[in-house]
PDB file of all heavy atoms in Angstrom:
ATOM      1  N   GLY A   1     118.762 127.588 111.402  1.00  0.00           N
ATOM      2  CA  GLY A   1     119.225 126.907 112.601  1.00  0.00           C
ATOM      3  C   GLY A   1     120.706 127.130 112.839  1.00  0.00           C
ATOM      4  O   GLY A   1     121.500 127.093 111.894  1.00  0.00           O
ATOM      5  N   CYS A   2     121.069 127.370 114.103  1.00  0.00           N
ATOM      6  CA  CYS A   2     122.462 127.624 114.451  1.00  0.00           C
ATOM      7  C   CYS A   2     123.184 126.312 114.756  1.00  0.00           C
ATOM      8  O   CYS A   2     122.596 125.229 114.718  1.00  0.00           O
ATOM      9  CB  CYS A   2     122.544 128.564 115.654  1.00  0.00           C
ATOM     10  SG  CYS A   2     121.841 127.847 117.165  1.00  0.00           S
ATOM     11  N   TYR A   3     124.454 126.413 115.083  1.00  0.00           N
ATOM     12  CA  TYR A   3     125.276 125.230 115.372  1.00  0.00           C
ATOM     13  C   TYR A   3     124.690 124.424 116.522  1.00  0.00           C
ATOM     14  O   TYR A   3     124.629 123.195 116.455  1.00  0.00           O
ATOM     15  CB  TYR A   3     126.704 125.674 115.703  1.00  0.00           C
ATOM     16  CG  TYR A   3     127.525 124.592 116.358  1.00  0.00           C
ATOM     17  CD1 TYR A   3     128.115 123.579 115.590  1.00  0.00           C
ATOM     18  CD2 TYR A   3     127.685 124.550 117.742  1.00  0.00           C
ATOM     19  CE1 TYR A   3     128.847 122.574 116.186  1.00  0.00           C
ATOM     20  CE2 TYR A   3     128.423 123.542 118.338  1.00  0.00           C
ATOM     21  CZ  TYR A   3     128.996 122.555 117.561  1.00  0.00           C
ATOM     22  OH  TYR A   3     129.711 121.559 118.168  1.00  0.00           O
ATOM     23  N   PHE A   4     124.257 125.104 117.589  1.00  0.00           N
ATOM     24  CA  PHE A   4     123.766 124.400 118.763  1.00  0.00           C
ATOM     25  C   PHE A   4     122.520 123.591 118.429  1.00  0.00           C
ATOM     26  O   PHE A   4     122.330 122.487 118.943  1.00  0.00           O
ATOM     27  CB  PHE A   4     123.469 125.386 119.893  1.00  0.00           C
ATOM     28  CG  PHE A   4     124.685 126.092 120.409  1.00  0.00           C
ATOM     29  CD1 PHE A   4     124.982 127.372 119.997  1.00  0.00           C
ATOM     30  CD2 PHE A   4     125.541 125.465 121.291  1.00  0.00           C
ATOM     31  CE1 PHE A   4     126.110 128.028 120.451  1.00  0.00           C
ATOM     32  CE2 PHE A   4     126.679 126.100 121.758  1.00  0.00           C
ATOM     33  CZ  PHE A   4     126.963 127.395 121.337  1.00  0.00           C
ATOM     34  N   PHE A   5     121.665 124.131 117.547  1.00  0.00           N
ATOM     35  CA  PHE A   5     120.453 123.399 117.169  1.00  0.00           C
ATOM     36  C   PHE A   5     120.809 122.127 116.407  1.00  0.00           C
ATOM     37  O   PHE A   5     120.336 121.032 116.736  1.00  0.00           O
ATOM     38  CB  PHE A   5     119.543 124.282 116.321  1.00  0.00           C
ATOM     39  CG  PHE A   5     118.378 123.538 115.734  1.00  0.00           C
ATOM     40  CD1 PHE A   5     117.255 123.282 116.497  1.00  0.00           C
ATOM     41  CD2 PHE A   5     118.417 123.072 114.428  1.00  0.00           C
ATOM     42  CE1 PHE A   5     116.181 122.571 115.968  1.00  0.00           C
ATOM     43  CE2 PHE A   5     117.360 122.362 113.887  1.00  0.00           C
ATOM     44  CZ  PHE A   5     116.235 122.119 114.667  1.00  0.00           C
ATOM     45  N   TRP A   6     121.657 122.262 115.388  1.00  0.00           N
ATOM     46  CA  TRP A   6     121.977 121.095 114.562  1.00  0.00           C
ATOM     47  C   TRP A   6     122.791 120.068 115.335  1.00  0.00           C
ATOM     48  O   TRP A   6     122.649 118.861 115.122  1.00  0.00           O
ATOM     49  CB  TRP A   6     122.723 121.535 113.294  1.00  0.00           C
ATOM     50  CG  TRP A   6     121.859 122.329 112.377  1.00  0.00           C
ATOM     51  CD1 TRP A   6     121.949 123.649 112.070  1.00  0.00           C
ATOM     52  CD2 TRP A   6     120.714 121.838 111.662  1.00  0.00           C
ATOM     53  NE1 TRP A   6     120.952 124.013 111.208  1.00  0.00           N
ATOM     54  CE2 TRP A   6     120.184 122.931 110.940  1.00  0.00           C
ATOM     55  CE3 TRP A   6     120.102 120.600 111.552  1.00  0.00           C
ATOM     56  CZ2 TRP A   6     119.054 122.804 110.130  1.00  0.00           C
ATOM     57  CZ3 TRP A   6     118.977 120.464 110.751  1.00  0.00           C
ATOM     58  CH2 TRP A   6     118.468 121.561 110.051  1.00  0.00           C
ATOM     59  N   ASN A   7     123.635 120.529 116.229  1.00  0.00           N
ATOM     60  CA  ASN A   7     124.372 119.596 117.059  1.00  0.00           C
ATOM     61  C   ASN A   7     123.421 118.811 117.966  1.00  0.00           C
ATOM     62  O   ASN A   7     123.635 117.618 118.216  1.00  0.00           O
ATOM     63  CB  ASN A   7     125.401 120.338 117.914  1.00  0.00           C
ATOM     64  CG  ASN A   7     126.247 119.389 118.744  1.00  0.00           C
ATOM     65  OD1 ASN A   7     126.983 118.564 118.227  1.00  0.00           O
ATOM     66  ND2 ASN A   7     126.139 119.516 120.060  1.00  0.00           N
ATOM     67  N   HIS A   8     122.366 119.468 118.432  1.00  0.00           N
ATOM     68  CA  HIS A   8     121.400 118.779 119.294  1.00  0.00           C
ATOM     69  C   HIS A   8     120.639 117.707 118.521  1.00  0.00           C
ATOM     70  O   HIS A   8     120.528 116.564 118.976  1.00  0.00           O
ATOM     71  CB  HIS A   8     120.419 119.783 119.893  1.00  0.00           C
ATOM     72  CG  HIS A   8     119.277 119.130 120.607  1.00  0.00           C
ATOM     73  ND1 HIS A   8     119.391 118.605 121.874  1.00  0.00           N
ATOM     74  CD2 HIS A   8     117.999 118.875 120.209  1.00  0.00           C
ATOM     75  CE1 HIS A   8     118.244 118.069 122.236  1.00  0.00           C
ATOM     76  NE2 HIS A   8     117.383 118.221 121.239  1.00  0.00           N
ATOM     77  N   VAL A   9     120.096 118.059 117.356  1.00  0.00           N
ATOM     78  CA  VAL A   9     119.258 117.093 116.636  1.00  0.00           C
ATOM     79  C   VAL A   9     120.075 115.935 116.079  1.00  0.00           C
ATOM     80  O   VAL A   9     119.519 114.875 115.763  1.00  0.00           O
ATOM     81  CB  VAL A   9     118.445 117.789 115.516  1.00  0.00           C
ATOM     82  CG1 VAL A   9     117.466 118.775 116.107  1.00  0.00           C
ATOM     83  CG2 VAL A   9     119.373 118.465 114.515  1.00  0.00           C
ATOM     84  N   LEU A  10     121.398 116.106 115.947  1.00  0.00           N
ATOM     85  CA  LEU A  10     122.232 114.973 115.541  1.00  0.00           C
ATOM     86  C   LEU A  10     122.261 113.891 116.615  1.00  0.00           C
ATOM     87  O   LEU A  10     122.651 112.757 116.353  1.00  0.00           O
ATOM     88  CB  LEU A  10     123.658 115.439 115.239  1.00  0.00           C
ATOM     89  CG  LEU A  10     123.896 116.045 113.860  1.00  0.00           C
ATOM     90  CD1 LEU A  10     125.326 116.544 113.745  1.00  0.00           C
ATOM     91  CD2 LEU A  10     123.583 115.041 112.756  1.00  0.00           C
ATOM     92  N   HIS A  11     121.856 114.256 117.820  1.00  0.00           N
ATOM     93  CA  HIS A  11     121.786 113.285 118.920  1.00  0.00           C
ATOM     94  C   HIS A  11     120.366 112.748 119.115  1.00  0.00           C
ATOM     95  O   HIS A  11     120.062 112.180 120.163  1.00  0.00           O
ATOM     96  CB  HIS A  11     122.284 113.920 120.221  1.00  0.00           C
ATOM     97  CG  HIS A  11     123.758 114.152 120.254  1.00  0.00           C
ATOM     98  ND1 HIS A  11     124.356 115.212 119.609  1.00  0.00           N
ATOM     99  CD2 HIS A  11     124.760 113.445 120.830  1.00  0.00           C
ATOM    100  CE1 HIS A  11     125.668 115.160 119.803  1.00  0.00           C
ATOM    101  NE2 HIS A  11     125.935 114.108 120.538  1.00  0.00           N
ATOM    102  N   ARG A  12     119.499 112.936 118.131  1.00  0.00           N
ATOM    103  CA  ARG A  12     118.132 112.418 118.202  1.00  0.00           C
ATOM    104  C   ARG A  12     117.862 111.475 117.033  1.00  0.00           C
ATOM    105  O   ARG A  12     118.435 111.614 115.952  1.00  0.00           O
ATOM    106  CB  ARG A  12     117.109 113.562 118.175  1.00  0.00           C
ATOM    107  CG  ARG A  12     116.967 114.299 119.499  1.00  0.00           C
ATOM    108  CD  ARG A  12     115.843 115.319 119.439  1.00  0.00           C
ATOM    109  NE  ARG A  12     115.652 115.991 120.718  1.00  0.00           N
ATOM    110  CZ  ARG A  12     114.826 115.575 121.666  1.00  0.00           C
ATOM    111  NH1 ARG A  12     114.102 114.489 121.468  1.00  0.00           N
ATOM    112  NH2 ARG A  12     114.714 116.228 122.798  1.00  0.00           N
ATOM    113  N   ARG A  13     116.950 110.545 117.268  1.00  0.00           N
ATOM    114  CA  ARG A  13     116.539 109.616 116.224  1.00  0.00           C
ATOM    115  C   ARG A  13     115.588 110.328 115.254  1.00  0.00           C
ATOM    116  O   ARG A  13     114.681 111.044 115.679  1.00  0.00           O
ATOM    117  CB  ARG A  13     115.839 108.407 116.830  1.00  0.00           C
ATOM    118  CG  ARG A  13     115.560 107.291 115.819  1.00  0.00           C
ATOM    119  CD  ARG A  13     114.903 106.098 116.486  1.00  0.00           C
ATOM    120  NE  ARG A  13     115.668 105.633 117.636  1.00  0.00           N
ATOM    121  CZ  ARG A  13     116.735 104.838 117.533  1.00  0.00           C
ATOM    122  NH1 ARG A  13     117.167 104.462 116.340  1.00  0.00           N
ATOM    123  NH2 ARG A  13     117.367 104.445 118.626  1.00  0.00           N
ATOM    124  N   VAL A  14     115.810 110.153 113.974  1.00  0.00           N
ATOM    125  CA  VAL A  14     114.952 110.757 112.953  1.00  0.00           C
ATOM    126  C   VAL A  14     113.752 109.851 112.721  1.00  0.00           C
ATOM    127  O   VAL A  14     113.904 108.676 112.356  1.00  0.00           O
ATOM    128  CB  VAL A  14     115.719 110.979 111.634  1.00  0.00           C
ATOM    129  CG1 VAL A  14     114.792 111.550 110.573  1.00  0.00           C
ATOM    130  CG2 VAL A  14     116.910 111.905 111.859  1.00  0.00           C
ATOM    131  N   LEU A  15     112.559 110.392 112.919  1.00  0.00           N
ATOM    132  CA  LEU A  15     111.332 109.609 112.749  1.00  0.00           C
ATOM    133  C   LEU A  15     110.697 109.803 111.377  1.00  0.00           C
ATOM    134  O   LEU A  15     110.135 108.874 110.820  1.00  0.00           O
ATOM    135  CB  LEU A  15     110.326 109.976 113.853  1.00  0.00           C
ATOM    136  CG  LEU A  15     110.799 109.775 115.294  1.00  0.00           C
ATOM    137  CD1 LEU A  15     109.693 110.162 116.264  1.00  0.00           C
ATOM    138  CD2 LEU A  15     111.234 108.328 115.532  1.00  0.00           C
ATOM    139  N   ARG A  16     110.786 111.021 110.849  1.00  0.00           N
ATOM    140  CA  ARG A  16     110.139 111.293 109.556  1.00  0.00           C
ATOM    141  C   ARG A  16     110.788 112.501 108.907  1.00  0.00           C
ATOM    142  O   ARG A  16     111.141 113.466 109.592  1.00  0.00           O
ATOM    143  CB  ARG A  16     108.636 111.541 109.759  1.00  0.00           C
ATOM    144  CG  ARG A  16     107.831 111.589 108.483  1.00  0.00           C
ATOM    145  CD  ARG A  16     107.772 110.228 107.801  1.00  0.00           C
ATOM    146  NE  ARG A  16     107.172 110.291 106.496  1.00  0.00           N
ATOM    147  CZ  ARG A  16     105.867 110.223 106.256  1.00  0.00           C
ATOM    148  NH1 ARG A  16     105.030 110.079 107.292  1.00  0.00           N
ATOM    149  NH2 ARG A  16     105.385 110.271 105.042  1.00  0.00           N
ATOM    150  N   VAL A  17     110.952 112.452 107.602  1.00  0.00           N
ATOM    151  CA  VAL A  17     111.531 113.561 106.840  1.00  0.00           C
ATOM    152  C   VAL A  17     110.679 113.811 105.604  1.00  0.00           C
ATOM    153  O   VAL A  17     110.361 112.884 104.857  1.00  0.00           O
ATOM    154  CB  VAL A  17     112.977 113.250 106.396  1.00  0.00           C
ATOM    155  CG1 VAL A  17     113.526 114.410 105.565  1.00  0.00           C
ATOM    156  CG2 VAL A  17     113.865 112.991 107.598  1.00  0.00           C
ATOM    157  N   LEU A  18     110.303 115.069 105.414  1.00  0.00           N
ATOM    158  CA  LEU A  18     109.655 115.499 104.174  1.00  0.00           C
ATOM    159  C   LEU A  18     110.526 116.612 103.590  1.00  0.00           C
ATOM    160  O   LEU A  18     110.474 117.754 104.050  1.00  0.00           O
ATOM    161  CB  LEU A  18     108.237 116.010 104.433  1.00  0.00           C
ATOM    162  CG  LEU A  18     107.128 114.974 104.565  1.00  0.00           C
ATOM    163  CD1 LEU A  18     105.781 115.641 104.761  1.00  0.00           C
ATOM    164  CD2 LEU A  18     107.072 114.072 103.334  1.00  0.00           C
ATOM    165  N   PRO A  19     111.358 116.283 102.610  1.00  0.00           N
ATOM    166  CA  PRO A  19     112.265 117.301 102.068  1.00  0.00           C
ATOM    167  C   PRO A  19     111.528 118.362 101.263  1.00  0.00           C
ATOM    168  O   PRO A  19     110.377 118.177 100.861  1.00  0.00           O
ATOM    169  CB  PRO A  19     113.209 116.485 101.178  1.00  0.00           C
ATOM    170  CG  PRO A  19     112.427 115.266 100.803  1.00  0.00           C
ATOM    171  CD  PRO A  19     111.540 114.966 101.971  1.00  0.00           C
ATOM    172  N   ALA A  20     112.217 119.459 101.039  1.00  0.00           N
ATOM    173  CA  ALA A  20     111.641 120.566 100.271  1.00  0.00           C
ATOM    174  C   ALA A  20     111.358 120.134  98.838  1.00  0.00           C
ATOM    175  O   ALA A  20     112.002 119.243  98.286  1.00  0.00           O
ATOM    176  CB  ALA A  20     112.597 121.756 100.290  1.00  0.00           C
ATOM    177  N   THR A  21     110.372 120.771  98.244  1.00  0.00           N
ATOM    178  CA  THR A  21     110.002 120.538  96.845  1.00  0.00           C
ATOM    179  C   THR A  21     110.013 121.877  96.121  1.00  0.00           C
ATOM    180  O   THR A  21     110.025 122.934  96.762  1.00  0.00           O
ATOM    181  CB  THR A  21     108.604 119.906  96.747  1.00  0.00           C
ATOM    182  OG1 THR A  21     107.628 120.828  97.278  1.00  0.00           O
ATOM    183  CG2 THR A  21     108.543 118.598  97.534  1.00  0.00           C
ATOM    184  N   PRO A  22     110.008 121.874  94.782  1.00  0.00           N
ATOM    185  CA  PRO A  22     109.972 123.157  94.064  1.00  0.00           C
ATOM    186  C   PRO A  22     108.768 124.017  94.435  1.00  0.00           C
ATOM    187  O   PRO A  22     108.859 125.249  94.399  1.00  0.00           O
ATOM    188  CB  PRO A  22     109.913 122.714  92.587  1.00  0.00           C
ATOM    189  CG  PRO A  22     110.567 121.366  92.576  1.00  0.00           C
ATOM    190  CD  PRO A  22     110.176 120.731  93.871  1.00  0.00           C
ATOM    191  N   ASP A  23     107.665 123.388  94.801  1.00  0.00           N
ATOM    192  CA  ASP A  23     106.469 124.147  95.172  1.00  0.00           C
ATOM    193  C   ASP A  23     106.478 124.583  96.635  1.00  0.00           C
ATOM    194  O   ASP A  23     105.739 125.506  97.007  1.00  0.00           O
ATOM    195  CB  ASP A  23     105.210 123.310  94.908  1.00  0.00           C
ATOM    196  CG  ASP A  23     105.045 122.976  93.431  1.00  0.00           C
ATOM    197  OD1 ASP A  23     105.495 123.785  92.601  1.00  0.00           O
ATOM    198  OD2 ASP A  23     104.486 121.918  93.127  1.00  0.00           O
ATOM    199  N   HIS A  24     107.279 123.916  97.453  1.00  0.00           N
ATOM    200  CA  HIS A  24     107.303 124.224  98.888  1.00  0.00           C
ATOM    201  C   HIS A  24     108.723 124.005  99.406  1.00  0.00           C
ATOM    202  O   HIS A  24     109.088 122.904  99.783  1.00  0.00           O
ATOM    203  CB  HIS A  24     106.317 123.331  99.645  1.00  0.00           C
ATOM    204  CG  HIS A  24     106.048 123.801 101.041  1.00  0.00           C
ATOM    205  ND1 HIS A  24     105.182 124.820 101.339  1.00  0.00           N
ATOM    206  CD2 HIS A  24     106.542 123.386 102.237  1.00  0.00           C
ATOM    207  CE1 HIS A  24     105.137 125.018 102.644  1.00  0.00           C
ATOM    208  NE2 HIS A  24     105.963 124.166 103.212  1.00  0.00           N
TER     209      HIS A  24
END
């Protein structure tokens, strides 16, 4: 993701996060 993408999502509410795991 580029700067414009991350800057955009910082202006959105986070509903769900599944962080990376060693298997995925």
